[in-house]
Amino acid sequence: GGAAVGAAVFGGGAEVPAQATVLALEPQDPSLAGTVTAAFTPGEPGIYLQGSGLEPLPEDQVYELWVIEGETPAAAVCVRPGDDGSVFGFADNEVTGSEVLAVTVEPSSCSDAPTTPPIWAAQVATA
């Protein structure tokens, strides 16, 4: 699968643009631990994924961010939580304003299409 862009990054370190839209992804299960946000500038390439307090995953699994336009998911970035439950990743995908951003649990090789239902998701609504 070559559709995944980026690599697992532990912790922060990158500057999110000041004009970026920050979107909180909603847990799809109320018992889910952690928070996940995505920051992007509509119409420009680049999505920053940040999470904290996330559950650790087995060695053969990662969290994968998807940009879903209609029924078509595009793989964005795969991340693995650090020991403190934090993740940070960057993808070159462009968000225009009508997509759904979703995070699934995928094999560590990263998937070309989601293999599990989203565990965090949010509709992009740009003003």
N, C-alpha and C. Protein backbone atom coordinates (compact mmCIF):
# COMPACT_ATOMS: atom_id res chain seq x y z
N GLY A 1 0.81 -1.19 0.00
CA GLY A 1 0.00 0.00 0.00
C GLY A 1 0.85 1.24 0.00
N GLY A 2 0.85 1.97 -1.10
CA GLY A 2 1.63 3.18 -1.19
C GLY A 2 0.82 4.44 -0.98
N ALA A 3 -0.44 4.31 -0.59
CA ALA A 3 -1.30 5.50 -0.48
C ALA A 3 -1.04 6.30 0.79
N ALA A 4 -0.44 5.69 1.78
CA ALA A 4 -0.20 6.41 3.04
C ALA A 4 0.96 7.37 2.85
N VAL A 5 0.79 8.56 3.41
CA VAL A 5 1.82 9.59 3.30
C VAL A 5 2.31 9.91 4.69
N GLY A 6 3.59 10.11 4.84
CA GLY A 6 4.12 10.48 6.15
C GLY A 6 4.59 9.27 6.91
N ALA A 7 4.94 9.48 8.15
CA ALA A 7 5.44 8.41 9.00
C ALA A 7 4.99 8.67 10.42
N ALA A 8 5.08 7.66 11.21
CA ALA A 8 4.71 7.83 12.62
C ALA A 8 5.66 8.83 13.27
N VAL A 9 5.08 9.74 14.01
CA VAL A 9 5.86 10.77 14.69
C VAL A 9 5.43 10.78 16.15
N PHE A 10 6.37 10.79 17.05
CA PHE A 10 6.02 10.81 18.47
C PHE A 10 6.20 12.21 19.00
N GLY A 11 5.12 12.74 19.57
CA GLY A 11 5.18 14.08 20.14
C GLY A 11 4.94 15.14 19.09
N GLY A 12 5.12 16.40 19.48
CA GLY A 12 4.85 17.53 18.60
C GLY A 12 6.08 17.93 17.82
N GLY A 13 6.30 19.22 17.74
CA GLY A 13 7.52 19.68 17.10
C GLY A 13 7.29 20.48 15.84
N ALA A 14 6.15 20.31 15.17
CA ALA A 14 5.90 21.07 13.95
C ALA A 14 5.00 22.26 14.27
N GLU A 15 5.17 23.31 13.51
CA GLU A 15 4.35 24.50 13.69
C GLU A 15 3.10 24.39 12.84
N VAL A 16 1.94 24.40 13.48
CA VAL A 16 0.68 24.42 12.76
C VAL A 16 0.43 25.88 12.35
N PRO A 17 0.09 26.14 11.08
CA PRO A 17 -0.11 27.53 10.65
C PRO A 17 -1.16 28.25 11.49
N ALA A 18 -0.91 29.53 11.77
CA ALA A 18 -1.80 30.31 12.62
C ALA A 18 -3.20 30.43 12.02
N GLN A 19 -3.31 30.44 10.69
CA GLN A 19 -4.62 30.60 10.06
C GLN A 19 -5.35 29.27 9.88
N ALA A 20 -4.78 28.18 10.37
CA ALA A 20 -5.37 26.86 10.17
C ALA A 20 -6.71 26.73 10.89
N THR A 21 -7.59 25.94 10.28
CA THR A 21 -8.85 25.54 10.91
C THR A 21 -8.54 24.32 11.77
N VAL A 22 -8.97 24.33 13.02
CA VAL A 22 -8.76 23.20 13.91
C VAL A 22 -10.11 22.51 14.12
N LEU A 23 -10.15 21.22 13.84
CA LEU A 23 -11.38 20.44 13.92
C LEU A 23 -11.20 19.32 14.93
N ALA A 24 -12.07 19.28 15.94
CA ALA A 24 -12.05 18.19 16.91
C ALA A 24 -12.82 17.01 16.34
N LEU A 25 -12.18 15.85 16.28
CA LEU A 25 -12.87 14.65 15.82
C LEU A 25 -13.61 14.04 17.00
N GLU A 26 -14.85 13.64 16.76
CA GLU A 26 -15.70 13.11 17.82
C GLU A 26 -15.51 11.61 17.97
N PRO A 27 -15.38 11.13 19.23
CA PRO A 27 -15.29 9.67 19.42
C PRO A 27 -16.61 9.02 19.00
N GLN A 28 -16.53 7.92 18.29
CA GLN A 28 -17.72 7.21 17.84
C GLN A 28 -18.23 6.25 18.90
N ASP A 29 -17.45 6.08 19.97
CA ASP A 29 -17.84 5.27 21.13
C ASP A 29 -17.57 6.15 22.36
N PRO A 30 -18.60 6.43 23.17
CA PRO A 30 -18.41 7.33 24.31
C PRO A 30 -17.36 6.86 25.31
N SER A 31 -17.04 5.58 25.33
CA SER A 31 -16.06 5.07 26.29
C SER A 31 -14.63 5.20 25.77
N LEU A 32 -14.46 5.71 24.56
CA LEU A 32 -13.14 5.82 23.95
C LEU A 32 -12.30 6.86 24.66
N ALA A 33 -11.07 6.48 24.99
CA ALA A 33 -10.16 7.40 25.68
C ALA A 33 -9.47 8.30 24.68
N GLY A 34 -9.15 9.51 25.11
CA GLY A 34 -8.31 10.40 24.32
C GLY A 34 -9.07 11.41 23.50
N THR A 35 -8.31 12.36 22.98
CA THR A 35 -8.85 13.39 22.09
C THR A 35 -8.02 13.44 20.82
N VAL A 36 -8.69 13.73 19.70
CA VAL A 36 -8.02 13.81 18.40
C VAL A 36 -8.48 15.08 17.71
N THR A 37 -7.52 15.85 17.19
CA THR A 37 -7.84 17.04 16.41
C THR A 37 -7.06 17.01 15.10
N ALA A 38 -7.62 17.70 14.11
CA ALA A 38 -6.95 17.87 12.82
C ALA A 38 -6.92 19.36 12.53
N ALA A 39 -5.79 19.85 12.03
CA ALA A 39 -5.65 21.25 11.66
C ALA A 39 -5.28 21.32 10.18
N PHE A 40 -5.93 22.23 9.46
CA PHE A 40 -5.70 22.36 8.02
C PHE A 40 -6.12 23.75 7.59
N THR A 41 -5.63 24.16 6.43
CA THR A 41 -6.06 25.40 5.80
C THR A 41 -6.87 25.00 4.57
N PRO A 42 -8.17 25.28 4.55
CA PRO A 42 -9.01 24.84 3.42
C PRO A 42 -8.44 25.27 2.07
N GLY A 43 -8.41 24.33 1.14
CA GLY A 43 -7.93 24.60 -0.21
C GLY A 43 -6.43 24.52 -0.38
N GLU A 44 -5.70 24.26 0.71
CA GLU A 44 -4.24 24.13 0.63
C GLU A 44 -3.84 22.74 1.11
N PRO A 45 -2.80 22.15 0.51
CA PRO A 45 -2.35 20.84 0.97
C PRO A 45 -1.82 20.91 2.40
N GLY A 46 -2.08 19.87 3.16
CA GLY A 46 -1.52 19.76 4.50
C GLY A 46 -2.57 19.58 5.58
N ILE A 47 -2.46 18.47 6.29
CA ILE A 47 -3.31 18.20 7.45
C ILE A 47 -2.40 17.78 8.59
N TYR A 48 -2.54 18.47 9.73
CA TYR A 48 -1.81 18.09 10.93
C TYR A 48 -2.77 17.30 11.81
N LEU A 49 -2.37 16.11 12.21
CA LEU A 49 -3.18 15.27 13.10
C LEU A 49 -2.50 15.25 14.45
N GLN A 50 -3.28 15.54 15.50
CA GLN A 50 -2.73 15.52 16.85
C GLN A 50 -3.70 14.79 17.75
N GLY A 51 -3.17 13.98 18.65
CA GLY A 51 -4.00 13.27 19.61
C GLY A 51 -3.30 13.18 20.94
N SER A 52 -4.10 13.03 22.00
CA SER A 52 -3.53 12.85 23.33
C SER A 52 -4.41 11.90 24.12
N GLY A 53 -3.78 11.19 25.04
CA GLY A 53 -4.50 10.25 25.89
C GLY A 53 -5.04 9.04 25.16
N LEU A 54 -4.44 8.68 24.02
CA LEU A 54 -4.94 7.57 23.22
C LEU A 54 -4.50 6.23 23.80
N GLU A 55 -5.33 5.23 23.55
CA GLU A 55 -5.01 3.87 23.99
C GLU A 55 -3.81 3.35 23.20
N PRO A 56 -2.91 2.61 23.88
CA PRO A 56 -1.83 1.97 23.13
C PRO A 56 -2.43 0.92 22.18
N LEU A 57 -1.71 0.62 21.13
CA LEU A 57 -2.15 -0.37 20.15
C LEU A 57 -1.18 -1.54 20.12
N PRO A 58 -1.66 -2.72 19.72
CA PRO A 58 -0.72 -3.82 19.50
C PRO A 58 0.32 -3.43 18.45
N GLU A 59 1.46 -4.06 18.48
CA GLU A 59 2.58 -3.72 17.59
C GLU A 59 2.19 -3.75 16.11
N ASP A 60 1.22 -4.59 15.76
CA ASP A 60 0.85 -4.75 14.35
C ASP A 60 -0.31 -3.84 13.92
N GLN A 61 -0.62 -2.80 14.73
CA GLN A 61 -1.71 -1.89 14.39
C GLN A 61 -1.28 -0.44 14.54
N VAL A 62 -1.95 0.45 13.77
CA VAL A 62 -1.73 1.89 13.83
C VAL A 62 -3.08 2.59 13.75
N TYR A 63 -3.09 3.87 14.11
CA TYR A 63 -4.24 4.73 13.83
C TYR A 63 -3.99 5.34 12.45
N GLU A 64 -5.03 5.35 11.59
CA GLU A 64 -4.87 5.92 10.26
C GLU A 64 -5.95 6.98 10.02
N LEU A 65 -5.51 8.15 9.54
CA LEU A 65 -6.41 9.25 9.22
C LEU A 65 -6.84 9.14 7.76
N TRP A 66 -8.14 9.38 7.52
CA TRP A 66 -8.72 9.33 6.18
C TRP A 66 -9.40 10.65 5.87
N VAL A 67 -9.32 11.08 4.62
CA VAL A 67 -10.10 12.20 4.11
C VAL A 67 -11.13 11.57 3.19
N ILE A 68 -12.41 11.66 3.59
CA ILE A 68 -13.47 10.96 2.86
C ILE A 68 -14.33 11.99 2.13
N GLU A 69 -14.31 11.91 0.81
CA GLU A 69 -15.11 12.79 -0.06
C GLU A 69 -16.23 11.94 -0.63
N GLY A 70 -17.48 12.19 -0.21
CA GLY A 70 -18.59 11.34 -0.63
C GLY A 70 -18.40 9.95 -0.07
N GLU A 71 -18.26 8.96 -0.96
CA GLU A 71 -18.02 7.58 -0.52
C GLU A 71 -16.56 7.17 -0.71
N THR A 72 -15.70 8.11 -1.09
CA THR A 72 -14.33 7.77 -1.47
C THR A 72 -13.33 8.18 -0.39
N PRO A 73 -12.74 7.19 0.32
CA PRO A 73 -11.72 7.52 1.33
C PRO A 73 -10.34 7.65 0.68
N ALA A 74 -9.58 8.64 1.13
CA ALA A 74 -8.18 8.80 0.72
C ALA A 74 -7.32 8.67 1.97
N ALA A 75 -6.37 7.75 1.93
CA ALA A 75 -5.46 7.57 3.06
C ALA A 75 -4.64 8.84 3.25
N ALA A 76 -4.48 9.26 4.51
CA ALA A 76 -3.71 10.48 4.79
C ALA A 76 -2.42 10.14 5.51
N VAL A 77 -2.50 9.67 6.77
CA VAL A 77 -1.28 9.40 7.53
C VAL A 77 -1.57 8.32 8.58
N CYS A 78 -0.57 7.50 8.85
CA CYS A 78 -0.64 6.49 9.91
C CYS A 78 0.22 6.95 11.08
N VAL A 79 -0.28 6.76 12.30
CA VAL A 79 0.46 7.15 13.49
C VAL A 79 0.32 6.07 14.56
N ARG A 80 1.33 6.00 15.41
CA ARG A 80 1.31 5.08 16.55
C ARG A 80 1.51 5.93 17.80
N PRO A 81 0.67 5.74 18.83
CA PRO A 81 0.81 6.55 20.04
C PRO A 81 2.15 6.32 20.72
N GLY A 82 2.71 7.41 21.27
CA GLY A 82 3.89 7.31 22.10
C GLY A 82 3.50 6.74 23.46
N ASP A 83 4.47 6.57 24.33
CA ASP A 83 4.21 6.00 25.66
C ASP A 83 3.21 6.83 26.46
N ASP A 84 3.13 8.14 26.16
CA ASP A 84 2.21 9.02 26.88
C ASP A 84 0.83 9.10 26.21
N GLY A 85 0.61 8.31 25.15
CA GLY A 85 -0.68 8.30 24.48
C GLY A 85 -0.84 9.42 23.46
N SER A 86 0.25 10.13 23.13
CA SER A 86 0.15 11.23 22.18
C SER A 86 0.56 10.78 20.78
N VAL A 87 -0.05 11.44 19.78
CA VAL A 87 0.34 11.22 18.40
C VAL A 87 0.43 12.58 17.71
N PHE A 88 1.28 12.66 16.70
CA PHE A 88 1.35 13.82 15.84
C PHE A 88 1.75 13.32 14.47
N GLY A 89 1.02 13.74 13.46
CA GLY A 89 1.34 13.34 12.10
C GLY A 89 1.00 14.43 11.12
N PHE A 90 1.57 14.35 9.92
CA PHE A 90 1.30 15.32 8.87
C PHE A 90 1.04 14.57 7.58
N ALA A 91 0.05 15.04 6.82
CA ALA A 91 -0.25 14.47 5.50
C ALA A 91 -0.35 15.59 4.49
N ASP A 92 -0.06 15.29 3.23
CA ASP A 92 -0.11 16.29 2.16
C ASP A 92 -1.52 16.48 1.61
N ASN A 93 -2.49 15.69 2.07
CA ASN A 93 -3.85 15.76 1.54
C ASN A 93 -4.41 17.18 1.64
N GLU A 94 -5.29 17.52 0.70
CA GLU A 94 -5.97 18.82 0.71
C GLU A 94 -7.40 18.63 1.22
N VAL A 95 -7.84 19.57 2.05
CA VAL A 95 -9.20 19.59 2.55
C VAL A 95 -9.88 20.81 1.95
N THR A 96 -11.01 20.60 1.26
CA THR A 96 -11.68 21.72 0.60
C THR A 96 -12.90 22.21 1.37
N GLY A 97 -13.49 21.35 2.20
CA GLY A 97 -14.59 21.82 3.03
C GLY A 97 -15.81 20.94 3.03
N SER A 98 -15.86 19.89 2.21
CA SER A 98 -17.04 19.04 2.18
C SER A 98 -16.73 17.60 2.60
N GLU A 99 -15.55 17.38 3.14
CA GLU A 99 -15.12 16.03 3.47
C GLU A 99 -15.49 15.65 4.90
N VAL A 100 -15.34 14.36 5.17
CA VAL A 100 -15.35 13.83 6.53
C VAL A 100 -13.92 13.40 6.82
N LEU A 101 -13.40 13.80 7.99
CA LEU A 101 -12.11 13.30 8.45
C LEU A 101 -12.41 12.20 9.44
N ALA A 102 -11.75 11.06 9.29
CA ALA A 102 -12.02 9.91 10.15
C ALA A 102 -10.72 9.19 10.49
N VAL A 103 -10.69 8.58 11.67
CA VAL A 103 -9.54 7.79 12.11
C VAL A 103 -10.02 6.37 12.36
N THR A 104 -9.28 5.41 11.81
CA THR A 104 -9.58 4.00 12.02
C THR A 104 -8.34 3.31 12.59
N VAL A 105 -8.51 2.09 13.08
CA VAL A 105 -7.39 1.25 13.48
C VAL A 105 -7.10 0.32 12.30
N GLU A 106 -5.84 0.33 11.85
CA GLU A 106 -5.46 -0.41 10.65
C GLU A 106 -4.19 -1.24 10.91
N PRO A 107 -3.90 -2.19 10.01
CA PRO A 107 -2.63 -2.92 10.14
C PRO A 107 -1.45 -1.95 10.05
N SER A 108 -0.34 -2.30 10.68
CA SER A 108 0.81 -1.40 10.74
C SER A 108 1.39 -1.09 9.36
N SER A 109 1.04 -1.87 8.35
CA SER A 109 1.49 -1.58 6.99
C SER A 109 0.69 -0.42 6.37
N CYS A 110 -0.32 0.08 7.07
CA CYS A 110 -1.23 1.13 6.60
C CYS A 110 -2.07 0.60 5.44
N SER A 111 -3.33 0.92 5.44
CA SER A 111 -4.26 0.38 4.45
C SER A 111 -4.52 1.38 3.33
N ASP A 112 -4.91 0.84 2.16
CA ASP A 112 -5.29 1.69 1.03
C ASP A 112 -6.76 2.11 1.13
N ALA A 113 -7.53 1.38 1.94
CA ALA A 113 -8.93 1.70 2.21
C ALA A 113 -9.22 1.24 3.64
N PRO A 114 -10.14 1.92 4.33
CA PRO A 114 -10.42 1.53 5.72
C PRO A 114 -10.86 0.07 5.83
N THR A 115 -10.34 -0.62 6.83
CA THR A 115 -10.73 -2.01 7.08
C THR A 115 -11.57 -2.14 8.34
N THR A 116 -11.70 -1.04 9.09
CA THR A 116 -12.51 -1.03 10.31
C THR A 116 -13.36 0.24 10.30
N PRO A 117 -14.45 0.27 11.06
CA PRO A 117 -15.25 1.50 11.15
C PRO A 117 -14.46 2.61 11.84
N PRO A 118 -14.76 3.88 11.53
CA PRO A 118 -14.07 4.98 12.19
C PRO A 118 -14.30 4.95 13.70
N ILE A 119 -13.22 5.30 14.44
CA ILE A 119 -13.37 5.43 15.90
C ILE A 119 -13.43 6.89 16.31
N TRP A 120 -12.90 7.79 15.47
CA TRP A 120 -13.10 9.24 15.61
C TRP A 120 -13.48 9.76 14.23
N ALA A 121 -14.37 10.73 14.17
CA ALA A 121 -14.77 11.30 12.88
C ALA A 121 -15.37 12.67 13.08
N ALA A 122 -15.29 13.49 12.02
CA ALA A 122 -15.94 14.82 12.05
C ALA A 122 -16.17 15.26 10.61
N GLN A 123 -17.31 15.91 10.41
CA GLN A 123 -17.63 16.53 9.12
C GLN A 123 -16.89 17.86 9.04
N VAL A 124 -16.20 18.11 7.94
CA VAL A 124 -15.54 19.39 7.74
C VAL A 124 -16.61 20.39 7.30
N ALA A 125 -16.67 21.51 7.98
CA ALA A 125 -17.59 22.58 7.60
C ALA A 125 -16.81 23.88 7.65
N THR A 126 -16.48 24.39 6.49
CA THR A 126 -15.71 25.63 6.46
C THR A 126 -16.65 26.79 6.18
N ALA A 127 -16.40 27.89 6.84
CA ALA A 127 -17.26 29.07 6.69
C ALA A 127 -16.76 29.94 5.56
